[in-house]
Protein backbone atom coordinates (compact mmCIF):
# COMPACT_ATOMS: atom_id res chain seq x y z
CA MET A 1 117.06 61.57 92.49
CA GLN A 2 114.11 59.28 91.86
CA THR A 3 112.89 59.90 95.41
CA ASN A 4 112.93 63.67 94.80
CA GLU A 5 111.08 63.28 91.51
CA ALA A 6 108.48 61.03 93.14
CA SER A 7 108.08 63.53 95.98
CA GLN A 8 107.67 66.40 93.53
CA GLU A 9 105.11 64.46 91.49
CA SER A 10 103.16 63.65 94.65
CA GLU A 11 103.23 67.31 95.67
CA ILE A 12 101.95 68.38 92.24
CA LYS A 13 99.09 65.88 92.48
CA GLN A 14 98.18 67.26 95.90
CA VAL A 15 98.12 70.79 94.50
CA ILE A 16 95.86 69.72 91.62
CA ARG A 17 93.54 67.79 93.94
CA SER A 18 93.19 70.83 96.21
CA LEU A 19 91.97 73.13 93.43
CA CYS A 20 88.38 74.34 93.26
CA MET A 21 86.55 76.46 90.71
CA MET A 22 87.09 79.63 92.73
CA ASN A 23 90.66 79.29 91.52
CA ASN A 24 90.56 81.36 88.37
CA ARG A 25 92.83 79.13 86.27
CA PHE A 26 91.08 75.94 87.32
CA MET A 27 87.71 77.49 86.49
CA ASN A 28 89.08 78.25 83.03
CA PHE A 29 90.01 74.60 82.54
CA MET A 30 86.63 73.47 83.81
CA LEU A 31 84.76 75.60 81.27
CA ASP A 32 87.18 75.66 78.34
CA ASP A 33 85.21 74.46 75.30
CA ASN A 34 82.79 72.83 77.77
CA LYS A 35 79.39 74.04 76.60
CA GLU A 36 77.46 71.82 79.00
CA ALA A 37 79.21 73.18 82.11
CA ALA A 38 78.99 76.79 80.90
CA GLN A 39 75.29 76.22 80.21
CA VAL A 40 74.69 75.12 83.79
CA PHE A 41 76.38 78.27 85.06
CA LEU A 42 74.31 80.59 82.91
CA ARG A 43 71.01 78.78 83.39
CA VAL A 44 71.30 78.80 87.18
CA ILE A 45 72.59 82.37 87.52
CA LEU A 46 70.05 83.82 85.09
CA GLY A 47 67.23 81.50 86.14
CA ASP A 48 66.61 80.47 82.53
CA ASP A 49 66.60 76.74 81.68
CA LYS A 50 66.22 77.49 77.97
CA ILE A 51 69.70 78.97 77.49
CA LYS A 52 71.65 76.95 74.94
CA VAL A 53 75.37 77.72 74.79
CA ARG A 54 76.72 77.77 71.25
CA ASN A 55 80.41 78.20 72.13
CA VAL A 56 82.63 79.05 75.07
CA ARG A 57 86.20 80.36 75.16
CA ILE A 58 88.64 81.18 77.94
CA GLN A 59 91.17 83.98 78.25
CA SER A 60 89.75 85.92 75.30
CA PHE A 61 91.94 88.94 74.62
CA ILE A 62 90.06 91.96 73.30
CA GLN A 63 92.31 94.58 71.76
CA ASN A 64 91.40 98.22 72.17
CA ILE A 65 93.61 100.35 69.90
CA TYR A 66 92.37 103.58 71.53
CA GLY A 67 92.79 102.61 75.18
CA HIS A 68 92.94 99.84 77.74
CA SER A 69 92.67 96.30 76.35
CA SER A 70 91.24 93.39 78.35
CA GLN A 71 91.57 89.66 78.76
CA LEU A 72 88.23 88.08 79.62
CA ASP A 73 88.26 84.99 81.83
CA ILE A 74 85.33 83.23 80.16
CA LEU A 75 83.35 84.32 77.12
CA ALA A 76 80.30 82.35 76.00
CA GLN A 77 77.67 82.89 73.33
CA ASP A 78 74.22 81.33 73.31
CA SER A 79 71.90 80.33 70.48
CA LYS A 80 70.24 83.77 70.55
CA GLY A 81 73.55 85.50 69.87
CA ARG A 82 73.90 86.90 73.38
CA TYR A 83 77.39 87.15 74.88
CA PHE A 84 78.23 86.28 78.47
CA ASN A 85 81.48 87.28 80.14
CA VAL A 86 82.07 85.41 83.41
CA GLU A 87 84.79 86.65 85.77
CA VAL A 88 85.83 84.94 89.02
CA GLN A 89 87.08 87.50 91.55
CA ARG A 90 88.55 86.38 94.87
CA SER A 91 89.81 89.86 95.69
CA ASP A 92 87.33 92.65 96.39
CA GLU A 93 89.67 95.04 94.58
CA GLY A 94 89.18 92.97 91.41
CA ALA A 95 85.45 93.64 91.17
CA PRO A 96 84.83 97.40 91.28
CA ALA A 97 81.72 98.78 89.61
CA ARG A 98 83.72 100.69 87.00
CA ARG A 99 85.55 97.55 85.94
CA ALA A 100 82.21 95.90 85.25
CA ARG A 101 81.18 98.99 83.29
CA PHE A 102 84.41 98.86 81.26
CA TYR A 103 84.03 95.17 80.44
CA SER A 104 80.48 95.82 79.30
CA SER A 105 81.60 98.66 77.04
CA ILE A 106 84.53 96.75 75.56
CA LEU A 107 82.19 93.89 74.60
CA ASP A 108 80.06 96.44 72.74
CA THR A 109 82.97 97.90 70.81
CA HIS A 110 84.26 94.42 69.94
CA PHE A 111 81.03 92.88 68.71
CA LEU A 112 79.55 95.71 66.65
CA GLN A 113 81.36 95.42 63.34
CA PRO A 114 81.91 98.38 60.97
CA GLY A 115 78.88 99.08 58.82
CA LYS A 116 76.47 97.33 61.20
CA LEU A 117 73.43 99.10 62.64
CA TYR A 118 73.25 99.84 66.37
CA GLU A 119 70.13 97.66 66.51
CA GLU A 120 72.38 94.72 65.61
CA LEU A 121 74.45 95.15 68.76
CA PRO A 122 74.07 91.87 70.69
CA ASP A 123 72.84 91.65 74.26
CA THR A 124 75.73 91.33 76.68
CA TYR A 125 76.02 90.04 80.25
CA VAL A 126 79.03 90.73 82.46
CA ILE A 127 78.92 88.33 85.42
CA PHE A 128 81.25 88.77 88.40
CA ILE A 129 81.35 85.80 90.77
CA THR A 130 82.90 87.25 93.92
CA GLU A 131 84.34 85.50 96.95
CA ASN A 132 82.90 88.13 99.26
CA ASP A 133 79.71 90.14 99.21
CA VAL A 134 81.33 93.19 97.60
CA LEU A 135 78.02 95.10 97.34
CA HIS A 136 77.31 94.51 101.06
CA ASP A 137 73.54 93.90 101.00
CA ASN A 138 73.72 90.17 101.78
CA LEU A 139 71.93 89.26 98.57
CA PRO A 140 72.79 86.06 96.68
CA LEU A 141 72.56 87.88 93.36
CA TYR A 142 72.65 91.48 92.16
CA ASN A 143 71.05 92.12 88.74
CA ILE A 144 72.12 95.53 87.51
CA ARG A 145 70.40 97.33 84.62
CA ARG A 146 70.11 100.95 83.58
CA ARG A 147 66.85 102.63 84.48
CA ILE A 148 65.08 105.96 83.98
CA ASP A 149 65.13 107.94 87.23
CA GLU A 150 61.84 109.78 86.62
CA ASN A 151 59.65 106.69 86.24
CA ALA A 152 61.92 103.86 87.48
CA LYS A 153 61.44 101.97 84.20
CA CYS A 154 64.30 99.90 82.82
CA PHE A 155 66.23 101.45 79.96
CA GLU A 156 66.46 98.42 77.69
CA ASP A 157 69.81 98.85 75.99
CA GLY A 158 70.62 95.14 76.07
CA SER A 159 73.42 95.32 78.64
CA ARG A 160 73.35 93.58 82.01
CA ILE A 161 75.83 93.39 84.86
CA ILE A 162 75.42 90.68 87.48
CA TYR A 163 77.29 90.22 90.74
CA VAL A 164 77.03 86.76 92.31
CA ASN A 165 77.78 86.53 96.03
CA SER A 166 79.50 83.16 96.50
CA GLN A 167 79.11 83.40 100.28
CA ARG A 168 75.41 82.53 99.94
CA ARG A 169 75.73 78.74 99.77
CA ASP A 170 72.24 77.51 100.69
CA ASP A 171 70.02 74.73 99.29
CA THR A 172 68.67 76.73 96.36
CA ALA A 173 69.88 75.97 92.83
CA LEU A 174 72.14 79.04 93.00
CA GLY A 175 73.34 78.14 96.49
CA LYS A 176 74.28 74.64 95.35
CA LEU A 177 76.15 76.13 92.40
CA MET A 178 78.09 78.28 94.86
CA GLN A 179 78.83 75.19 96.97
CA ASP A 180 80.24 73.52 93.88
CA LEU A 181 82.59 76.45 93.30
CA TYR A 182 84.41 75.61 96.55
CA CYS A 183 84.25 71.83 96.18
CA THR A 184 87.52 69.96 95.50
CA GLU A 185 86.18 66.43 95.03
CA PRO A 186 84.11 65.41 91.96
CA LYS A 187 81.95 63.01 93.99
CA ASN A 188 80.73 65.88 96.20
CA LEU A 189 79.57 68.15 93.39
CA HIS A 190 75.86 68.77 92.87
CA TYR A 191 76.04 69.26 89.12
CA GLN A 192 77.15 66.27 87.06
CA GLU A 193 78.44 68.49 84.25
CA PHE A 194 81.11 69.75 86.63
CA ALA A 195 81.83 66.36 88.19
CA GLU A 196 82.77 64.69 84.90
CA ARG A 197 85.14 67.49 83.94
CA MET A 198 86.74 67.67 87.38
CA GLU A 199 87.23 63.89 87.43
CA PHE A 200 89.05 64.14 84.09
CA LEU A 201 91.26 67.08 85.10
CA LYS A 202 92.25 65.77 88.53
CA TYR A 203 92.38 62.01 88.12
CA SER A 204 93.55 61.32 84.58
CA LYS A 205 97.00 61.63 83.11
CA GLU A 206 95.60 63.58 80.16
CA GLY A 207 93.90 66.01 82.53
CA GLU A 208 97.04 66.65 84.52
CA GLU A 209 99.00 67.24 81.32
CA LYS A 210 96.35 69.71 80.20
CA MET A 211 96.95 71.79 83.31
CA THR A 212 100.65 72.37 82.74
CA ASP A 213 100.36 76.12 83.24
CA VAL A 214 98.69 75.58 86.62
CA ILE A 215 101.63 73.39 87.60
CA GLU A 216 104.07 75.96 86.23
CA GLU A 217 102.31 78.71 88.18
CA TYR A 218 102.53 76.58 91.33
CA ALA A 219 106.25 75.94 90.70
CA ALA A 220 106.84 79.66 90.16
CA ARG A 221 105.01 80.54 93.38
CA LYS A 222 106.95 77.92 95.30
CA ALA A 223 110.26 79.17 93.88
CA GLU A 224 109.28 82.74 94.77
CA ALA A 225 108.36 81.68 98.31
CA LEU A 226 111.65 79.81 98.73
CA ALA A 227 113.57 82.82 97.40
CA LYS A 228 111.77 85.13 99.84
CA GLU A 229 112.47 82.76 102.72
CA ALA A 230 116.15 82.56 101.72
CA ALA A 231 116.35 86.35 101.48
CA LYS A 232 114.66 86.66 104.87
CA GLU A 233 117.12 84.22 106.44
CA ALA A 234 120.07 86.03 104.81
CA ALA A 235 118.82 89.38 106.08
CA LYS A 236 118.33 87.93 109.56
CA GLU A 237 121.86 86.48 109.55
CA ALA A 238 123.34 89.77 108.33
CA SER A 239 121.44 91.66 111.02
CA GLU A 240 122.67 89.28 113.71
CA LYS A 241 126.29 89.64 112.51
CA ALA A 242 125.99 93.44 112.46
CA LYS A 243 124.52 93.40 115.98
CA ALA A 244 127.40 91.21 117.20
CA ARG A 245 129.94 93.64 115.68
CA ASN A 246 128.19 96.58 117.31
CA ILE A 247 128.26 94.83 120.69
CA GLU A 248 132.00 94.15 120.38
CA LEU A 249 132.59 97.78 119.36
CA ALA A 250 130.58 99.00 122.36
CA LYS A 251 132.59 96.77 124.71
CA ASP A 252 135.85 98.15 123.32
CA LEU A 253 134.67 101.74 123.63
CA LEU A 254 133.48 101.24 127.21
CA SER A 255 136.73 99.49 128.11
CA GLU A 256 138.63 102.53 126.82
CA GLY A 257 136.59 104.81 129.05
CA GLU A 258 134.18 106.27 126.51
CA SER A 259 130.96 107.75 127.86
CA ILE A 260 127.60 106.01 127.59
CA GLU A 261 126.30 108.69 125.23
CA ARG A 262 129.27 108.49 122.82
CA THR A 263 129.21 104.69 122.89
CA VAL A 264 125.51 104.71 121.98
CA ARG A 265 126.19 107.05 119.07
CA LEU A 266 129.16 105.11 117.68
CA SER A 267 127.90 101.56 118.23
CA LYS A 268 124.31 102.25 117.13
CA LEU A 269 123.03 100.24 120.10
CA SER A 270 120.26 101.52 122.34
CA GLU A 271 121.12 103.27 125.56
CA ALA A 272 119.61 100.41 127.56
CA GLU A 273 121.82 97.90 125.73
CA VAL A 274 124.95 99.97 126.29
CA ARG A 275 124.19 100.47 130.00
CA GLU A 276 123.63 96.72 130.38
CA LEU A 277 127.07 96.06 128.76
CA ALA A 278 128.66 98.69 131.01
CA SER A 279 127.20 97.10 134.13
CA LYS A 280 128.56 93.69 133.11
CA LEU A 281 132.03 95.11 132.46
CA THR A 282 132.18 96.76 135.89
CA ALA A 283 130.71 93.78 137.77
């Protein structure tokens, strides 16, 4: 019993040690109430060293009583009152343009309170960090703003959508940030603000306890995988038993003088299989 518990604990530690920030849940833990780390993200992505994060929250649920509600991965606010929604998307299907548009609109409806003027609507940034280059132009960063077609001037409505291509991991500040997203060891991180948090989460008892839902998710996935494997083995065994019964039936039918065609139909074996059985019986 103790050996099994020790083995399970070792396996859990290995899972935790293998996590990187491109894992959505681990990213949440890295940035949860961690203004310094969130500040690094925003400063590097937006190229603005003056951004000062006032607060940061994870898994913020925004209720929409008239339609689709949303749960934002990371929501930060800076000292200027701007809001930043950061989403990590490993699947291309998770980062369509219209999802970015929806997230931008739901921030607007949430942060403009009744009785407030439209001019008081805060600036918002929806940032998708994608595993692949979903916009396919091999750019490290895609800054998206509305513009006027006739004169190509920006339509300054205060909303921005940014796609970050995590495949561009070069020696620029942004490239090093992208390298850090895939890094699993604190000592190899470029940004100290990430290293301290990762060290705490992966190598302290308190950090491991904080990530109970990650462990629970891992346990659930493992249980699901084991159940699928068991079902696969059961199906294979049932198929093999059915095939054996069909072979015995075919042998009996052939022994009683049934034709190849009728034996194929009744035994559900292929014609080649039935002919092979027939040749062995007459040998």
